[in-house]
PDB file of all heavy atoms in Angstrom:
ATOM      1  N   LYS A   1     -10.923  -7.650   4.227  1.00  0.00           N
ATOM      2  CA  LYS A   1     -11.484  -6.307   4.144  1.00  0.00           C
ATOM      3  C   LYS A   1     -10.732  -5.119   4.780  1.00  0.00           C
ATOM      4  O   LYS A   1     -10.233  -5.291   5.844  1.00  0.00           O
ATOM      5  CB  LYS A   1     -12.944  -6.426   4.847  1.00  0.00           C
ATOM      6  CG  LYS A   1     -13.864  -7.358   4.123  1.00  0.00           C
ATOM      7  CD  LYS A   1     -15.217  -7.268   4.893  1.00  0.00           C
ATOM      8  CE  LYS A   1     -16.169  -8.123   4.075  1.00  0.00           C
ATOM      9  NZ  LYS A   1     -17.488  -8.244   4.826  1.00  0.00           N
ATOM     10  N   ALA A   2     -10.832  -3.965   4.003  1.00  0.00           N
ATOM     11  CA  ALA A   2     -10.091  -2.774   4.569  1.00  0.00           C
ATOM     12  C   ALA A   2     -10.506  -2.330   5.855  1.00  0.00           C
ATOM     13  O   ALA A   2      -9.669  -1.963   6.756  1.00  0.00           O
ATOM     14  CB  ALA A   2     -10.169  -1.734   3.468  1.00  0.00           C
ATOM     15  N   ALA A   3     -11.835  -2.540   6.193  1.00  0.00           N
ATOM     16  CA  ALA A   3     -12.280  -1.992   7.524  1.00  0.00           C
ATOM     17  C   ALA A   3     -11.694  -2.853   8.667  1.00  0.00           C
ATOM     18  O   ALA A   3     -11.669  -2.370   9.774  1.00  0.00           O
ATOM     19  CB  ALA A   3     -13.873  -2.079   7.440  1.00  0.00           C
ATOM     20  N   GLU A   4     -11.300  -4.180   8.424  1.00  0.00           N
ATOM     21  CA  GLU A   4     -10.790  -4.959   9.407  1.00  0.00           C
ATOM     22  C   GLU A   4      -9.270  -4.910   9.521  1.00  0.00           C
ATOM     23  O   GLU A   4      -8.728  -5.367  10.538  1.00  0.00           O
ATOM     24  CB  GLU A   4     -11.135  -6.462   8.996  1.00  0.00           C
ATOM     25  CG  GLU A   4     -12.756  -6.677   9.076  1.00  0.00           C
ATOM     26  CD  GLU A   4     -12.957  -8.176   8.363  1.00  0.00           C
ATOM     27  OE1 GLU A   4     -12.011  -8.782   8.188  1.00  0.00           O
ATOM     28  OE2 GLU A   4     -14.103  -8.431   8.366  1.00  0.00           O
ATOM     29  N   LYS A   5      -8.717  -4.120   8.652  1.00  0.00           N
ATOM     30  CA  LYS A   5      -7.208  -4.021   8.571  1.00  0.00           C
ATOM     31  C   LYS A   5      -6.797  -2.616   9.038  1.00  0.00           C
ATOM     32  O   LYS A   5      -7.434  -1.607   8.699  1.00  0.00           O
ATOM     33  CB  LYS A   5      -6.749  -4.352   7.246  1.00  0.00           C
ATOM     34  CG  LYS A   5      -6.980  -5.769   6.810  1.00  0.00           C
ATOM     35  CD  LYS A   5      -6.661  -5.963   5.389  1.00  0.00           C
ATOM     36  CE  LYS A   5      -5.025  -5.736   5.073  1.00  0.00           C
ATOM     37  NZ  LYS A   5      -4.792  -6.029   3.721  1.00  0.00           N
ATOM     38  N   PRO A   6      -5.666  -2.581   9.733  1.00  0.00           N
ATOM     39  CA  PRO A   6      -5.153  -1.257   9.983  1.00  0.00           C
ATOM     40  C   PRO A   6      -4.535  -0.680   8.688  1.00  0.00           C
ATOM     41  O   PRO A   6      -4.226  -1.410   7.671  1.00  0.00           O
ATOM     42  CB  PRO A   6      -4.031  -1.499  11.123  1.00  0.00           C
ATOM     43  CG  PRO A   6      -3.570  -2.781  10.808  1.00  0.00           C
ATOM     44  CD  PRO A   6      -4.925  -3.646  10.314  1.00  0.00           C
ATOM     45  N   PRO A   7      -4.198   0.627   8.680  1.00  0.00           N
ATOM     46  CA  PRO A   7      -3.585   1.174   7.377  1.00  0.00           C
ATOM     47  C   PRO A   7      -2.275   0.463   7.109  1.00  0.00           C
ATOM     48  O   PRO A   7      -1.509   0.050   8.029  1.00  0.00           O
ATOM     49  CB  PRO A   7      -3.401   2.640   7.723  1.00  0.00           C
ATOM     50  CG  PRO A   7      -4.203   2.878   8.859  1.00  0.00           C
ATOM     51  CD  PRO A   7      -4.417   1.623   9.677  1.00  0.00           C
ATOM     52  N   LEU A   8      -1.904   0.349   5.800  1.00  0.00           N
ATOM     53  CA  LEU A   8      -0.662  -0.120   5.487  1.00  0.00           C
ATOM     54  C   LEU A   8       0.361   0.958   5.787  1.00  0.00           C
ATOM     55  O   LEU A   8       0.211   2.178   5.592  1.00  0.00           O
ATOM     56  CB  LEU A   8      -0.557  -0.493   3.981  1.00  0.00           C
ATOM     57  CG  LEU A   8      -1.597  -1.616   3.503  1.00  0.00           C
ATOM     58  CD1 LEU A   8      -1.673  -1.695   2.012  1.00  0.00           C
ATOM     59  CD2 LEU A   8      -1.306  -2.951   4.149  1.00  0.00           C
ATOM     60  N   VAL A   9       1.635   0.511   6.263  1.00  0.00           N
ATOM     61  CA  VAL A   9       2.610   1.663   6.396  1.00  0.00           C
ATOM     62  C   VAL A   9       3.775   1.191   5.497  1.00  0.00           C
ATOM     63  O   VAL A   9       4.235   0.125   5.586  1.00  0.00           O
ATOM     64  CB  VAL A   9       3.130   1.712   7.856  1.00  0.00           C
ATOM     65  CG1 VAL A   9       4.346   2.580   8.032  1.00  0.00           C
ATOM     66  CG2 VAL A   9       2.004   1.989   8.809  1.00  0.00           C
ATOM     67  N   ILE A  10       4.178   2.123   4.577  1.00  0.00           N
ATOM     68  CA  ILE A  10       5.234   2.012   3.610  1.00  0.00           C
ATOM     69  C   ILE A  10       6.523   2.788   4.030  1.00  0.00           C
ATOM     70  O   ILE A  10       6.328   4.005   4.117  1.00  0.00           O
ATOM     71  CB  ILE A  10       4.687   2.512   2.261  1.00  0.00           C
ATOM     72  CG1 ILE A  10       3.325   1.810   2.042  1.00  0.00           C
ATOM     73  CG2 ILE A  10       5.826   2.110   1.238  1.00  0.00           C
ATOM     74  CD1 ILE A  10       3.257   0.247   1.995  1.00  0.00           C
ATOM     75  N   PRO A  11       7.581   2.041   4.268  1.00  0.00           N
ATOM     76  CA  PRO A  11       8.716   2.888   4.686  1.00  0.00           C
ATOM     77  C   PRO A  11       9.379   3.555   3.541  1.00  0.00           C
ATOM     78  O   PRO A  11       9.293   3.107   2.361  1.00  0.00           O
ATOM     79  CB  PRO A  11       9.687   1.789   5.187  1.00  0.00           C
ATOM     80  CG  PRO A  11       9.322   0.432   4.481  1.00  0.00           C
ATOM     81  CD  PRO A  11       7.698   0.709   4.278  1.00  0.00           C
ATOM     82  N   GLY A  12      10.003   4.728   3.795  1.00  0.00           N
ATOM     83  CA  GLY A  12      10.640   5.440   2.779  1.00  0.00           C
ATOM     84  C   GLY A  12      12.059   5.875   3.252  1.00  0.00           C
ATOM     85  O   GLY A  12      12.588   5.529   4.229  1.00  0.00           O
ATOM     86  N   GLN A  13      12.574   6.973   2.513  1.00  0.00           N
ATOM     87  CA  GLN A  13      13.964   7.480   2.859  1.00  0.00           C
ATOM     88  C   GLN A  13      13.651   8.699   3.776  1.00  0.00           C
ATOM     89  O   GLN A  13      13.294   9.833   3.111  1.00  0.00           O
ATOM     90  CB  GLN A  13      14.733   7.746   1.608  1.00  0.00           C
ATOM     91  CG  GLN A  13      15.094   6.552   0.854  1.00  0.00           C
ATOM     92  CD  GLN A  13      15.778   6.814  -0.513  1.00  0.00           C
ATOM     93  OE1 GLN A  13      15.813   8.001  -0.938  1.00  0.00           O
ATOM     94  NE2 GLN A  13      16.271   5.800  -1.143  1.00  0.00           N
ATOM     95  N   GLY A  14      13.721   8.608   4.988  1.00  0.00           N
ATOM     96  CA  GLY A  14      13.622   9.661   5.856  1.00  0.00           C
ATOM     97  C   GLY A  14      12.058   9.971   6.213  1.00  0.00           C
ATOM     98  O   GLY A  14      11.736  10.910   6.928  1.00  0.00           O
ATOM     99  N   PHE A  15      11.298   9.160   5.848  1.00  0.00           N
ATOM    100  CA  PHE A  15       9.886   9.174   6.167  1.00  0.00           C
ATOM    101  C   PHE A  15       9.192   7.858   5.853  1.00  0.00           C
ATOM    102  O   PHE A  15       9.752   6.954   5.189  1.00  0.00           O
ATOM    103  CB  PHE A  15       9.153  10.284   5.433  1.00  0.00           C
ATOM    104  CG  PHE A  15       8.841   9.952   3.876  1.00  0.00           C
ATOM    105  CD1 PHE A  15       7.724   9.400   3.499  1.00  0.00           C
ATOM    106  CD2 PHE A  15       9.925  10.013   3.002  1.00  0.00           C
ATOM    107  CE1 PHE A  15       7.618   9.030   2.184  1.00  0.00           C
ATOM    108  CE2 PHE A  15       9.796   9.709   1.673  1.00  0.00           C
ATOM    109  CZ  PHE A  15       8.619   9.290   1.216  1.00  0.00           C
ATOM    110  N   SER A  16       8.013   7.765   6.325  1.00  0.00           N
ATOM    111  CA  SER A  16       7.104   6.524   5.840  1.00  0.00           C
ATOM    112  C   SER A  16       5.731   7.171   5.534  1.00  0.00           C
ATOM    113  O   SER A  16       5.451   8.380   5.859  1.00  0.00           O
ATOM    114  CB  SER A  16       6.861   5.560   7.073  1.00  0.00           C
ATOM    115  OG  SER A  16       8.135   4.988   7.314  1.00  0.00           O
ATOM    116  N   PHE A  17       4.904   6.398   4.884  1.00  0.00           N
ATOM    117  CA  PHE A  17       3.564   6.911   4.712  1.00  0.00           C
ATOM    118  C   PHE A  17       2.593   5.733   5.107  1.00  0.00           C
ATOM    119  O   PHE A  17       2.856   4.471   5.011  1.00  0.00           O
ATOM    120  CB  PHE A  17       3.294   7.580   3.420  1.00  0.00           C
ATOM    121  CG  PHE A  17       3.236   6.615   2.184  1.00  0.00           C
ATOM    122  CD1 PHE A  17       2.073   6.086   1.786  1.00  0.00           C
ATOM    123  CD2 PHE A  17       4.382   6.280   1.520  1.00  0.00           C
ATOM    124  CE1 PHE A  17       2.024   5.181   0.696  1.00  0.00           C
ATOM    125  CE2 PHE A  17       4.403   5.542   0.445  1.00  0.00           C
ATOM    126  CZ  PHE A  17       3.139   4.933   0.032  1.00  0.00           C
ATOM    127  N   SER A  18       1.367   6.083   5.397  1.00  0.00           N
ATOM    128  CA  SER A  18       0.331   5.166   5.672  1.00  0.00           C
ATOM    129  C   SER A  18      -0.869   5.340   4.682  1.00  0.00           C
ATOM    130  O   SER A  18      -1.057   6.507   4.264  1.00  0.00           O
ATOM    131  CB  SER A  18      -0.221   5.251   7.119  1.00  0.00           C
ATOM    132  OG  SER A  18      -0.810   6.404   7.329  1.00  0.00           O
ATOM    133  N   VAL A  19      -1.548   4.286   4.371  1.00  0.00           N
ATOM    134  CA  VAL A  19      -2.579   4.401   3.458  1.00  0.00           C
ATOM    135  C   VAL A  19      -3.676   3.181   3.813  1.00  0.00           C
ATOM    136  O   VAL A  19      -3.203   2.254   4.230  1.00  0.00           O
ATOM    137  CB  VAL A  19      -2.150   4.295   2.048  1.00  0.00           C
ATOM    138  CG1 VAL A  19      -1.502   3.012   1.627  1.00  0.00           C
ATOM    139  CG2 VAL A  19      -3.336   4.664   1.028  1.00  0.00           C
ATOM    140  N   ARG A  20      -4.845   3.409   3.562  1.00  0.00           N
ATOM    141  CA  ARG A  20      -5.903   2.345   3.735  1.00  0.00           C
ATOM    142  C   ARG A  20      -6.134   1.677   2.429  1.00  0.00           C
ATOM    143  O   ARG A  20      -6.180   2.258   1.314  1.00  0.00           O
ATOM    144  CB  ARG A  20      -7.180   3.001   4.175  1.00  0.00           C
ATOM    145  CG  ARG A  20      -7.136   3.328   5.640  1.00  0.00           C
ATOM    146  CD  ARG A  20      -8.474   3.112   6.279  1.00  0.00           C
ATOM    147  NE  ARG A  20      -8.434   3.564   7.630  1.00  0.00           N
ATOM    148  CZ  ARG A  20      -7.895   2.828   8.657  1.00  0.00           C
ATOM    149  NH1 ARG A  20      -7.684   1.570   8.457  1.00  0.00           N
ATOM    150  NH2 ARG A  20      -7.809   3.273   9.879  1.00  0.00           N
ATOM    151  N   GLN A  21      -6.184   0.270   2.500  1.00  0.00           N
ATOM    152  CA  GLN A  21      -6.510  -0.574   1.327  1.00  0.00           C
ATOM    153  C   GLN A  21      -8.037  -0.655   1.238  1.00  0.00           C
ATOM    154  O   GLN A  21      -8.776  -1.044   2.165  1.00  0.00           O
ATOM    155  CB  GLN A  21      -5.929  -1.985   1.573  1.00  0.00           C
ATOM    156  CG  GLN A  21      -6.227  -2.804   0.511  1.00  0.00           C
ATOM    157  CD  GLN A  21      -5.518  -4.176   0.709  1.00  0.00           C
ATOM    158  OE1 GLN A  21      -4.346  -4.259   0.877  1.00  0.00           O
ATOM    159  NE2 GLN A  21      -6.283  -5.297   0.739  1.00  0.00           N
ATOM    160  N   PRO A  22      -8.591  -0.101   0.167  1.00  0.00           N
ATOM    161  CA  PRO A  22     -10.081  -0.102  -0.051  1.00  0.00           C
ATOM    162  C   PRO A  22     -10.682  -1.634   0.091  1.00  0.00           C
ATOM    163  O   PRO A  22      -9.952  -2.512  -0.416  1.00  0.00           O
ATOM    164  CB  PRO A  22     -10.324   0.419  -1.321  1.00  0.00           C
ATOM    165  CG  PRO A  22      -9.035   0.993  -1.881  1.00  0.00           C
ATOM    166  CD  PRO A  22      -7.958   0.225  -1.059  1.00  0.00           C
ATOM    167  N   ASP A  23     -11.885  -1.754   0.548  1.00  0.00           N
ATOM    168  CA  ASP A  23     -12.593  -3.017   0.560  1.00  0.00           C
ATOM    169  C   ASP A  23     -12.719  -3.547  -0.906  1.00  0.00           C
ATOM    170  O   ASP A  23     -13.187  -2.765  -1.702  1.00  0.00           O
ATOM    171  CB  ASP A  23     -13.969  -2.783   1.215  1.00  0.00           C
ATOM    172  CG  ASP A  23     -14.600  -4.134   1.438  1.00  0.00           C
ATOM    173  OD1 ASP A  23     -13.937  -5.205   1.579  1.00  0.00           O
ATOM    174  OD2 ASP A  23     -15.919  -4.108   1.460  1.00  0.00           O
ATOM    175  N   GLY A  24     -12.518  -4.700  -1.119  1.00  0.00           N
ATOM    176  CA  GLY A  24     -12.575  -5.303  -2.465  1.00  0.00           C
ATOM    177  C   GLY A  24     -11.329  -5.158  -3.352  1.00  0.00           C
ATOM    178  O   GLY A  24     -11.328  -5.503  -4.539  1.00  0.00           O
ATOM    179  N   TRP A  25     -10.331  -4.462  -2.809  1.00  0.00           N
ATOM    180  CA  TRP A  25      -9.041  -4.261  -3.479  1.00  0.00           C
ATOM    181  C   TRP A  25      -7.991  -4.893  -2.753  1.00  0.00           C
ATOM    182  O   TRP A  25      -8.154  -5.079  -1.492  1.00  0.00           O
ATOM    183  CB  TRP A  25      -8.784  -2.723  -3.751  1.00  0.00           C
ATOM    184  CG  TRP A  25      -9.865  -2.010  -4.574  1.00  0.00           C
ATOM    185  CD1 TRP A  25     -11.099  -1.872  -4.300  1.00  0.00           C
ATOM    186  CD2 TRP A  25      -9.564  -1.376  -5.748  1.00  0.00           C
ATOM    187  NE1 TRP A  25     -11.756  -1.213  -5.247  1.00  0.00           N
ATOM    188  CE2 TRP A  25     -10.825  -0.813  -6.196  1.00  0.00           C
ATOM    189  CE3 TRP A  25      -8.418  -1.251  -6.546  1.00  0.00           C
ATOM    190  CZ2 TRP A  25     -10.917  -0.149  -7.405  1.00  0.00           C
ATOM    191  CZ3 TRP A  25      -8.559  -0.577  -7.792  1.00  0.00           C
ATOM    192  CH2 TRP A  25      -9.794  -0.029  -8.246  1.00  0.00           C
ATOM    193  N   GLN A  26      -6.794  -5.246  -3.541  1.00  0.00           N
ATOM    194  CA  GLN A  26      -5.665  -5.697  -2.840  1.00  0.00           C
ATOM    195  C   GLN A  26      -4.393  -5.072  -3.479  1.00  0.00           C
ATOM    196  O   GLN A  26      -4.359  -4.618  -4.611  1.00  0.00           O
ATOM    197  CB  GLN A  26      -5.629  -7.239  -2.942  1.00  0.00           C
ATOM    198  CG  GLN A  26      -5.651  -7.666  -4.408  1.00  0.00           C
ATOM    199  CD  GLN A  26      -6.048  -9.080  -4.451  1.00  0.00           C
ATOM    200  OE1 GLN A  26      -6.459  -9.714  -3.468  1.00  0.00           O
ATOM    201  NE2 GLN A  26      -5.925  -9.755  -5.640  1.00  0.00           N
ATOM    202  N   ALA A  27      -3.323  -5.151  -2.659  1.00  0.00           N
ATOM    203  CA  ALA A  27      -2.007  -4.675  -3.130  1.00  0.00           C
ATOM    204  C   ALA A  27      -1.568  -5.520  -4.338  1.00  0.00           C
ATOM    205  O   ALA A  27      -1.833  -6.736  -4.318  1.00  0.00           O
ATOM    206  CB  ALA A  27      -0.922  -4.776  -2.048  1.00  0.00           C
ATOM    207  N   ASP A  28      -1.098  -4.895  -5.226  1.00  0.00           N
ATOM    208  CA  ASP A  28      -0.671  -5.598  -6.496  1.00  0.00           C
ATOM    209  C   ASP A  28       0.880  -5.373  -6.592  1.00  0.00           C
ATOM    210  O   ASP A  28       1.273  -4.260  -7.229  1.00  0.00           O
ATOM    211  CB  ASP A  28      -1.374  -5.090  -7.726  1.00  0.00           C
ATOM    212  CG  ASP A  28      -1.069  -5.818  -9.021  1.00  0.00           C
ATOM    213  OD1 ASP A  28       0.053  -6.362  -9.161  1.00  0.00           O
ATOM    214  OD2 ASP A  28      -1.939  -5.912  -9.894  1.00  0.00           O
ATOM    215  N   GLU A  29       1.681  -6.178  -6.070  1.00  0.00           N
ATOM    216  CA  GLU A  29       3.121  -5.917  -5.999  1.00  0.00           C
ATOM    217  C   GLU A  29       3.876  -5.995  -7.460  1.00  0.00           C
ATOM    218  O   GLU A  29       4.712  -5.212  -7.696  1.00  0.00           O
ATOM    219  CB  GLU A  29       3.845  -7.038  -5.079  1.00  0.00           C
ATOM    220  CG  GLU A  29       3.579  -6.587  -3.527  1.00  0.00           C
ATOM    221  CD  GLU A  29       4.270  -7.624  -2.767  1.00  0.00           C
ATOM    222  OE1 GLU A  29       5.568  -7.693  -2.971  1.00  0.00           O
ATOM    223  OE2 GLU A  29       3.669  -8.077  -1.694  1.00  0.00           O
ATOM    224  N   GLN A  30       3.370  -6.799  -8.261  1.00  0.00           N
ATOM    225  CA  GLN A  30       3.834  -6.911  -9.661  1.00  0.00           C
ATOM    226  C   GLN A  30       3.638  -5.555 -10.368  1.00  0.00           C
ATOM    227  O   GLN A  30       4.505  -4.977 -10.975  1.00  0.00           O
ATOM    228  CB  GLN A  30       3.120  -8.030 -10.516  1.00  0.00           C
ATOM    229  CG  GLN A  30       3.413  -9.279  -9.763  1.00  0.00           C
ATOM    230  CD  GLN A  30       4.310 -10.226 -10.488  1.00  0.00           C
ATOM    231  OE1 GLN A  30       4.817  -9.877 -11.588  1.00  0.00           O
ATOM    232  NE2 GLN A  30       4.685 -11.400  -9.967  1.00  0.00           N
ATOM    233  N   ALA A  31       2.515  -5.057 -10.219  1.00  0.00           N
ATOM    234  CA  ALA A  31       2.149  -3.760 -10.862  1.00  0.00           C
ATOM    235  C   ALA A  31       3.008  -2.593 -10.201  1.00  0.00           C
ATOM    236  O   ALA A  31       3.534  -1.681 -10.916  1.00  0.00           O
ATOM    237  CB  ALA A  31       0.642  -3.342 -10.794  1.00  0.00           C
ATOM    238  N   MET A  32       3.189  -2.677  -9.056  1.00  0.00           N
ATOM    239  CA  MET A  32       4.070  -1.718  -8.131  1.00  0.00           C
ATOM    240  C   MET A  32       5.375  -1.686  -8.810  1.00  0.00           C
ATOM    241  O   MET A  32       5.972  -0.630  -9.109  1.00  0.00           O
ATOM    242  CB  MET A  32       4.052  -2.007  -6.711  1.00  0.00           C
ATOM    243  CG  MET A  32       5.003  -1.127  -5.873  1.00  0.00           C
ATOM    244  SD  MET A  32       5.009  -1.794  -4.233  1.00  0.00           S
ATOM    245  CE  MET A  32       6.261  -2.959  -4.407  1.00  0.00           C
ATOM    246  N   LYS A  33       6.078  -2.831  -9.005  1.00  0.00           N
ATOM    247  CA  LYS A  33       7.349  -2.928  -9.545  1.00  0.00           C
ATOM    248  C   LYS A  33       7.486  -2.522 -11.060  1.00  0.00           C
ATOM    249  O   LYS A  33       8.307  -1.783 -11.461  1.00  0.00           O
ATOM    250  CB  LYS A  33       7.875  -4.350  -9.437  1.00  0.00           C
ATOM    251  CG  LYS A  33       8.218  -4.812  -7.960  1.00  0.00           C
ATOM    252  CD  LYS A  33       8.560  -6.306  -8.040  1.00  0.00           C
ATOM    253  CE  LYS A  33       8.679  -6.817  -6.622  1.00  0.00           C
ATOM    254  NZ  LYS A  33       8.798  -8.239  -6.474  1.00  0.00           N
ATOM    255  N   LYS A  34       6.435  -3.016 -11.697  1.00  0.00           N
ATOM    256  CA  LYS A  34       6.493  -2.664 -13.142  1.00  0.00           C
ATOM    257  C   LYS A  34       6.405  -1.139 -13.394  1.00  0.00           C
ATOM    258  O   LYS A  34       7.009  -0.536 -14.361  1.00  0.00           O
ATOM    259  CB  LYS A  34       5.244  -3.322 -13.901  1.00  0.00           C
ATOM    260  CG  LYS A  34       5.177  -3.177 -15.325  1.00  0.00           C
ATOM    261  CD  LYS A  34       4.154  -3.967 -16.045  1.00  0.00           C
ATOM    262  CE  LYS A  34       4.290  -3.774 -17.537  1.00  0.00           C
ATOM    263  NZ  LYS A  34       3.335  -4.622 -18.202  1.00  0.00           N
ATOM    264  N   TYR A  35       5.530  -0.459 -12.655  1.00  0.00           N
ATOM    265  CA  TYR A  35       5.386   0.956 -12.865  1.00  0.00           C
ATOM    266  C   TYR A  35       6.133   1.878 -11.916  1.00  0.00           C
ATOM    267  O   TYR A  35       5.913   2.991 -11.829  1.00  0.00           O
ATOM    268  CB  TYR A  35       3.895   1.292 -12.883  1.00  0.00           C
ATOM    269  CG  TYR A  35       3.174   0.552 -13.896  1.00  0.00           C
ATOM    270  CD1 TYR A  35       2.264  -0.526 -13.673  1.00  0.00           C
ATOM    271  CD2 TYR A  35       3.411   0.806 -15.331  1.00  0.00           C
ATOM    272  CE1 TYR A  35       1.725  -1.293 -14.552  1.00  0.00           C
ATOM    273  CE2 TYR A  35       2.862  -0.076 -16.262  1.00  0.00           C
ATOM    274  CZ  TYR A  35       1.947  -1.049 -15.879  1.00  0.00           C
ATOM    275  OH  TYR A  35       1.332  -1.706 -16.857  1.00  0.00           O
ATOM    276  N   GLN A  36       7.125   1.251 -11.198  1.00  0.00           N
ATOM    277  CA  GLN A  36       7.980   2.000 -10.286  1.00  0.00           C
ATOM    278  C   GLN A  36       7.203   2.721  -9.306  1.00  0.00           C
ATOM    279  O   GLN A  36       7.429   3.866  -8.971  1.00  0.00           O
ATOM    280  CB  GLN A  36       8.875   2.848 -11.012  1.00  0.00           C
ATOM    281  CG  GLN A  36       9.844   2.072 -12.066  1.00  0.00           C
ATOM    282  CD  GLN A  36      10.773   2.969 -12.793  1.00  0.00           C
ATOM    283  OE1 GLN A  36      10.516   4.162 -12.899  1.00  0.00           O
ATOM    284  NE2 GLN A  36      11.838   2.526 -13.264  1.00  0.00           N
ATOM    285  N   ALA A  37       6.097   2.196  -8.721  1.00  0.00           N
ATOM    286  CA  ALA A  37       5.245   2.829  -7.804  1.00  0.00           C
ATOM    287  C   ALA A  37       5.562   2.464  -6.456  1.00  0.00           C
ATOM    288  O   ALA A  37       6.190   1.399  -6.105  1.00  0.00           O
ATOM    289  CB  ALA A  37       3.739   2.475  -8.116  1.00  0.00           C
ATOM    290  N   SER A  38       5.176   3.316  -5.511  1.00  0.00           N
ATOM    291  CA  SER A  38       5.330   2.985  -4.062  1.00  0.00           C
ATOM    292  C   SER A  38       4.445   1.979  -3.652  1.00  0.00           C
ATOM    293  O   SER A  38       4.687   1.054  -2.712  1.00  0.00           O
ATOM    294  CB  SER A  38       5.294   4.196  -3.282  1.00  0.00           C
ATOM    295  OG  SER A  38       6.050   5.228  -3.649  1.00  0.00           O
ATOM    296  N   LEU A  39       3.273   1.883  -4.313  1.00  0.00           N
ATOM    297  CA  LEU A  39       2.248   0.948  -3.902  1.00  0.00           C
ATOM    298  C   LEU A  39       1.154   0.998  -4.968  1.00  0.00           C
ATOM    299  O   LEU A  39       0.951   2.080  -5.685  1.00  0.00           O
ATOM    300  CB  LEU A  39       1.459   1.455  -2.658  1.00  0.00           C
ATOM    301  CG  LEU A  39       0.546   0.537  -2.110  1.00  0.00           C
ATOM    302  CD1 LEU A  39       1.115  -0.904  -1.703  1.00  0.00           C
ATOM    303  CD2 LEU A  39      -0.106   1.152  -0.774  1.00  0.00           C
TER     304      LEU A  39
END
């Protein structure tokens, strides 16, 4: 559950960003790669 987890931190070039994962959702690494997305 997103409420039980701290925000995800995604490293970048010269910065990072944080974002919350919604409850009932999960990171989809395959879609991230396929669509050249950060997350």
